[in-house]
């Protein structure tokens, strides 16, 4: 199909982009990498009056250190996230999850911030952002504000972003020395996750001292597996102990049934995949 007609704006600064969104109103759409938006436009599932293309806004790209955090620009591509040395050292969970996103072509075009703002509950970056306790910096006509990941994702494809706001950067607390793994289950290669688990742990002398675990596609937003985290802290990093903690993975979740699986199967997957993810992260 052919997209419905729209006006096209290509700003070169964040301020210009915000002004364009404010002028266009609620029917505008932001184009980042376009890997999710363009198919929707072609099928006319979205018919924006204005498309604001962020491709020329160079200030939104790159990774830098700021004290105890990494700052990732929203237009940084998945490919660049995969290969960034700072992310590999201080936020290994993000690299692990990004490695599983789609295919090389998509990773070269798709953007870190675009995937987060799209807020697809089956997307592979939302759970790691939640698990790591990231903060999302949003810019609008009234200036900039910071939103915790736990408050940013509000529902399926719905975030705390207002119609005239942009996600400009993600602040990632450093998890230096933590080991991480992203365990994903899908029916075919390159498909969305039926269920996936983002896990990172800090171990000392064979014991798990801290753990962060979040689930993909177990609700309308990413879900923190708090019961699993509590069960892991202080336990031995053994297969038996970790699998026992993973039995709590489905607690507090609200998965839906679809053509891929029913609710009970997703709950089963959450428990099994959590055990695998934590085992891999802990090196057990």
Protein backbone atom coordinates (compact mmCIF):
# COMPACT_ATOMS: atom_id res chain seq x y z
CA UNK A 1 0.00 0.00 0.00
CA UNK A 2 0.96 3.66 -0.33
CA UNK A 3 1.04 5.95 2.75
CA UNK A 4 -1.53 8.71 3.09
CA UNK A 5 -0.20 12.21 2.21
CA UNK A 6 1.71 14.08 4.91
CA UNK A 7 3.96 17.11 5.34
CA UNK A 8 7.66 16.33 5.84
CA UNK A 9 10.00 18.30 8.13
CA UNK A 10 13.72 17.56 8.62
CA UNK A 11 15.04 19.73 11.48
CA UNK A 12 18.74 19.93 12.29
CA UNK A 13 18.46 20.67 16.04
CA UNK A 14 16.36 19.45 18.96
CA UNK A 15 14.80 22.91 19.34
CA UNK A 16 13.74 22.91 15.69
CA UNK A 17 12.24 19.43 16.07
CA UNK A 18 10.25 20.44 19.14
CA UNK A 19 8.98 23.55 17.36
CA UNK A 20 7.88 21.43 14.40
CA UNK A 21 6.00 19.05 16.67
CA UNK A 22 4.32 21.90 18.53
CA UNK A 23 3.20 23.47 15.26
CA UNK A 24 1.93 20.20 13.79
CA UNK A 25 -0.13 19.22 16.83
CA UNK A 26 -1.22 15.78 17.98
CA UNK A 27 -1.36 14.28 14.48
CA UNK A 28 2.41 14.50 13.96
CA UNK A 29 4.74 11.51 14.05
CA UNK A 30 8.46 11.38 14.78
CA UNK A 31 10.69 9.44 12.38
CA UNK A 32 13.82 8.03 14.01
CA UNK A 33 15.16 4.89 12.32
CA UNK A 34 11.78 4.22 10.78
CA UNK A 35 11.95 0.43 11.07
CA UNK A 36 8.64 0.29 12.97
CA UNK A 37 6.96 3.44 11.68
CA UNK A 38 7.37 2.99 7.92
CA UNK A 39 5.52 -0.35 7.72
CA UNK A 40 2.68 1.19 9.77
CA UNK A 41 2.51 4.14 7.37
CA UNK A 42 2.48 1.86 4.33
CA UNK A 43 -0.47 -0.10 5.76
CA UNK A 44 -2.20 3.17 6.72
CA UNK A 45 -2.49 2.06 10.33
CA UNK A 46 -1.18 5.56 11.06
CA UNK A 47 -2.01 8.64 8.98
CA UNK A 48 -0.02 11.56 10.41
CA UNK A 49 -0.44 15.03 8.98
CA UNK A 50 3.27 15.77 9.55
CA UNK A 51 6.36 13.59 9.74
CA UNK A 52 9.28 15.04 11.73
CA UNK A 53 12.50 13.30 10.62
CA UNK A 54 15.28 13.36 13.26
CA UNK A 55 17.93 12.00 10.90
CA UNK A 56 19.79 15.32 10.67
CA UNK A 57 19.85 16.04 14.42
CA UNK A 58 23.45 15.09 15.14
CA UNK A 59 23.31 16.04 18.83
CA UNK A 60 21.05 13.02 19.44
CA UNK A 61 23.76 10.50 18.50
CA UNK A 62 26.53 8.95 20.53
CA UNK A 63 27.47 7.51 23.92
CA UNK A 64 29.32 9.36 26.66
CA UNK A 65 30.19 9.03 30.35
CA UNK A 66 28.82 11.37 33.01
CA UNK A 67 30.02 10.31 36.44
CA UNK A 68 28.24 7.13 37.50
CA UNK A 69 26.11 6.98 34.36
CA UNK A 70 26.36 6.46 30.64
CA UNK A 71 24.34 8.78 28.42
CA UNK A 72 23.05 7.32 25.15
CA UNK A 73 21.61 9.65 22.54
CA UNK A 74 18.19 8.59 21.31
CA UNK A 75 19.28 8.47 17.65
CA UNK A 76 22.23 6.16 18.34
CA UNK A 77 21.76 3.10 16.15
CA UNK A 78 21.54 -0.44 17.48
CA UNK A 79 24.72 -1.18 15.53
CA UNK A 80 26.61 1.52 17.41
CA UNK A 81 25.23 0.35 20.77
CA UNK A 82 26.46 -3.16 19.99
CA UNK A 83 29.99 -1.96 19.34
CA UNK A 84 30.45 0.74 21.95
CA UNK A 85 33.24 -0.03 24.44
CA UNK A 86 31.62 1.97 27.27
CA UNK A 87 28.38 0.01 26.98
CA UNK A 88 30.25 -3.30 26.88
CA UNK A 89 32.10 -2.38 30.08
CA UNK A 90 29.41 -0.64 32.12
CA UNK A 91 26.04 -1.82 30.71
CA UNK A 92 26.60 -5.30 29.30
CA UNK A 93 22.89 -6.09 29.48
CA UNK A 94 22.12 -3.49 26.81
CA UNK A 95 24.67 -5.03 24.44
CA UNK A 96 23.34 -8.53 25.11
CA UNK A 97 19.77 -7.49 24.29
CA UNK A 98 20.72 -5.38 21.27
CA UNK A 99 22.60 -8.33 19.79
CA UNK A 100 19.23 -10.10 19.45
CA UNK A 101 17.34 -7.26 17.73
CA UNK A 102 16.09 -8.29 14.29
CA UNK A 103 18.94 -8.57 11.74
CA UNK A 104 22.04 -6.56 10.72
CA UNK A 105 20.12 -4.41 8.25
CA UNK A 106 17.60 -3.36 10.90
CA UNK A 107 20.35 -2.77 13.47
CA UNK A 108 22.15 -0.41 11.10
CA UNK A 109 19.02 1.73 10.62
CA UNK A 110 16.98 1.28 13.78
CA UNK A 111 17.71 3.51 16.76
CA UNK A 112 17.99 2.92 20.49
CA UNK A 113 15.64 5.74 21.42
CA UNK A 114 13.20 4.99 18.64
CA UNK A 115 12.70 1.44 19.88
CA UNK A 116 12.16 2.65 23.44
CA UNK A 117 9.70 5.40 22.48
CA UNK A 118 7.77 2.94 20.28
CA UNK A 119 7.09 0.94 23.49
CA UNK A 120 6.21 -2.35 21.84
CA UNK A 121 5.82 -4.81 24.75
CA UNK A 122 7.54 -7.46 22.61
CA UNK A 123 10.49 -5.16 21.85
CA UNK A 124 13.84 -6.31 23.20
CA UNK A 125 15.18 -3.09 24.72
CA UNK A 126 12.39 -2.12 27.11
CA UNK A 127 13.05 -4.82 29.73
CA UNK A 128 16.83 -4.11 29.90
CA UNK A 129 16.16 -0.38 30.29
CA UNK A 130 13.76 -1.18 33.15
CA UNK A 131 16.08 -3.72 34.77
CA UNK A 132 19.01 -1.29 34.80
CA UNK A 133 16.95 1.49 36.36
CA UNK A 134 17.55 3.88 33.47
CA UNK A 135 16.29 7.44 33.33
CA UNK A 136 14.85 8.89 30.14
CA UNK A 137 15.44 12.54 29.33
CA UNK A 138 12.54 14.16 27.49
CA UNK A 139 12.59 17.57 25.79
CA UNK A 140 9.56 19.71 25.00
CA UNK A 141 8.45 23.34 24.71
CA UNK A 142 8.76 23.74 28.48
CA UNK A 143 12.33 22.44 28.63
CA UNK A 144 13.74 19.09 29.66
CA UNK A 145 12.53 16.63 32.26
CA UNK A 146 13.74 13.23 33.44
CA UNK A 147 11.44 10.22 33.73
CA UNK A 148 12.33 6.94 35.45
CA UNK A 149 11.96 3.89 33.23
CA UNK A 150 9.36 2.49 35.65
CA UNK A 151 7.19 5.55 34.96
CA UNK A 152 7.98 5.98 31.27
CA UNK A 153 6.24 2.84 29.97
CA UNK A 154 2.53 3.28 30.65
CA UNK A 155 0.74 0.80 28.38
CA UNK A 156 1.10 -1.02 25.08
CA UNK A 157 2.70 1.46 22.62
CA UNK A 158 2.08 4.23 25.19
CA UNK A 159 4.69 6.23 27.10
CA UNK A 160 4.96 9.34 29.24
CA UNK A 161 5.91 11.39 26.16
CA UNK A 162 3.51 14.21 25.31
CA UNK A 163 2.64 14.89 21.67
CA UNK A 164 5.10 17.81 21.52
CA UNK A 165 7.97 16.06 23.31
CA UNK A 166 10.99 14.06 22.17
CA UNK A 167 13.05 11.40 23.89
CA UNK A 168 16.53 12.91 23.59
CA UNK A 169 18.75 10.64 25.69
CA UNK A 170 18.80 7.69 28.07
CA UNK A 171 20.86 7.80 31.27
CA UNK A 172 22.09 4.34 32.22
CA UNK A 173 23.49 3.76 35.73
CA UNK A 174 26.83 2.01 35.44
CA UNK A 175 26.75 -1.67 36.32
CA UNK A 176 30.49 -2.19 36.07
CA UNK A 177 31.51 -5.72 36.98
CA UNK A 178 27.98 -7.07 36.71
CA UNK A 179 27.45 -10.03 34.42
CA UNK A 180 24.44 -10.07 32.14
CA UNK A 181 22.42 -12.18 29.75
CA UNK A 182 19.32 -11.74 27.59
CA UNK A 183 17.38 -14.93 26.95
CA UNK A 184 14.82 -14.74 24.15
CA UNK A 185 12.25 -17.20 22.84
CA UNK A 186 10.61 -16.80 19.45
CA UNK A 187 9.14 -19.06 16.83
CA UNK A 188 11.45 -18.10 13.97
CA UNK A 189 14.66 -16.12 13.59
CA UNK A 190 14.20 -12.32 13.57
CA UNK A 191 10.67 -12.56 15.03
CA UNK A 192 9.43 -10.59 18.03
CA UNK A 193 9.94 -12.26 21.39
CA UNK A 194 7.11 -14.44 22.65
CA UNK A 195 8.83 -14.00 26.02
CA UNK A 196 12.32 -12.82 26.90
CA UNK A 197 14.27 -12.20 30.09
CA UNK A 198 16.86 -9.52 30.84
CA UNK A 199 19.07 -10.48 33.76
CA UNK A 200 22.17 -9.00 35.34
CA UNK A 201 23.78 -10.07 38.59
CA UNK A 202 26.69 -9.14 40.82
CA UNK A 203 28.35 -12.09 42.49
CA UNK A 204 30.96 -12.38 45.22
CA UNK A 205 32.63 -15.57 46.38
CA UNK A 206 30.06 -17.75 44.67
CA UNK A 207 27.06 -15.90 46.08
CA UNK A 208 24.63 -13.54 44.31
CA UNK A 209 24.84 -10.18 46.06
CA UNK A 210 22.55 -8.17 43.76
CA UNK A 211 20.22 -9.09 40.93
CA UNK A 212 18.11 -7.22 38.39
CA UNK A 213 15.63 -9.13 36.26
CA UNK A 214 12.94 -7.86 33.90
CA UNK A 215 10.59 -9.60 31.49
CA UNK A 216 9.67 -8.89 27.88
CA UNK A 217 6.10 -9.47 26.61
CA UNK A 218 4.65 -10.58 29.94
CA UNK A 219 2.26 -7.63 30.08
CA UNK A 220 1.41 -4.42 28.26
CA UNK A 221 4.70 -2.94 29.53
CA UNK A 222 8.02 -4.49 30.58
CA UNK A 223 7.78 -6.12 34.01
CA UNK A 224 10.35 -6.17 36.78
CA UNK A 225 10.59 -9.67 38.30
CA UNK A 226 10.86 -8.39 41.86
CA UNK A 227 10.10 -11.74 43.51
CA UNK A 228 12.90 -13.39 41.55
CA UNK A 229 15.33 -10.63 42.49
CA UNK A 230 14.48 -10.97 46.18
CA UNK A 231 14.88 -14.75 46.05
CA UNK A 232 18.26 -14.49 44.33
CA UNK A 233 19.93 -12.05 46.73
CA UNK A 234 22.18 -13.93 49.11
CA UNK A 235 21.70 -17.32 47.49
CA UNK A 236 24.49 -19.47 46.14
CA UNK A 237 25.11 -19.06 42.41
CA UNK A 238 24.22 -22.68 41.75
CA UNK A 239 21.85 -24.14 39.18
CA UNK A 240 19.53 -25.53 41.85
CA UNK A 241 19.22 -22.26 43.77
CA UNK A 242 18.76 -20.17 40.64
CA UNK A 243 16.08 -22.45 39.22
CA UNK A 244 14.27 -22.27 42.54
CA UNK A 245 14.29 -18.48 42.44
CA UNK A 246 13.14 -18.52 38.82
CA UNK A 247 9.91 -20.27 39.84
CA UNK A 248 8.69 -16.84 41.00
CA UNK A 249 9.12 -15.29 37.54
CA UNK A 250 5.44 -15.22 36.55
CA UNK A 251 4.32 -13.56 39.78
CA UNK A 252 2.83 -10.12 39.22
CA UNK A 253 2.71 -10.50 35.44
CA UNK A 254 -0.28 -10.14 33.13
CA UNK A 255 0.53 -11.88 29.84
CA UNK A 256 -2.01 -12.10 27.03
CA UNK A 257 -2.97 -14.97 24.77
CA UNK A 258 -2.44 -14.68 21.02
CA UNK A 259 -1.76 -16.81 17.99
CA UNK A 260 1.66 -17.76 19.34
CA UNK A 261 0.78 -18.94 22.84
CA UNK A 262 -1.75 -18.93 25.63
CA UNK A 263 -1.29 -17.33 29.04
CA UNK A 264 -0.15 -20.50 30.79
CA UNK A 265 2.53 -21.18 28.19
CA UNK A 266 3.91 -17.65 28.54
CA UNK A 267 4.04 -18.07 32.31
CA UNK A 268 5.91 -21.34 31.83
CA UNK A 269 8.33 -19.68 29.41
CA UNK A 270 8.96 -16.87 31.90
CA UNK A 271 10.04 -19.35 34.57
CA UNK A 272 12.22 -21.44 32.25
CA UNK A 273 13.85 -18.48 30.49
CA UNK A 274 14.50 -16.67 33.77
CA UNK A 275 16.38 -19.69 35.04
CA UNK A 276 18.42 -19.84 31.85
CA UNK A 277 19.16 -16.10 31.81
CA UNK A 278 20.28 -15.91 35.42
CA UNK A 279 22.31 -19.11 35.12
CA UNK A 280 24.15 -17.66 32.13
CA UNK A 281 24.65 -14.29 33.81
CA UNK A 282 25.95 -15.86 37.01
CA UNK A 283 28.19 -18.25 35.13
CA UNK A 284 26.59 -21.18 36.93
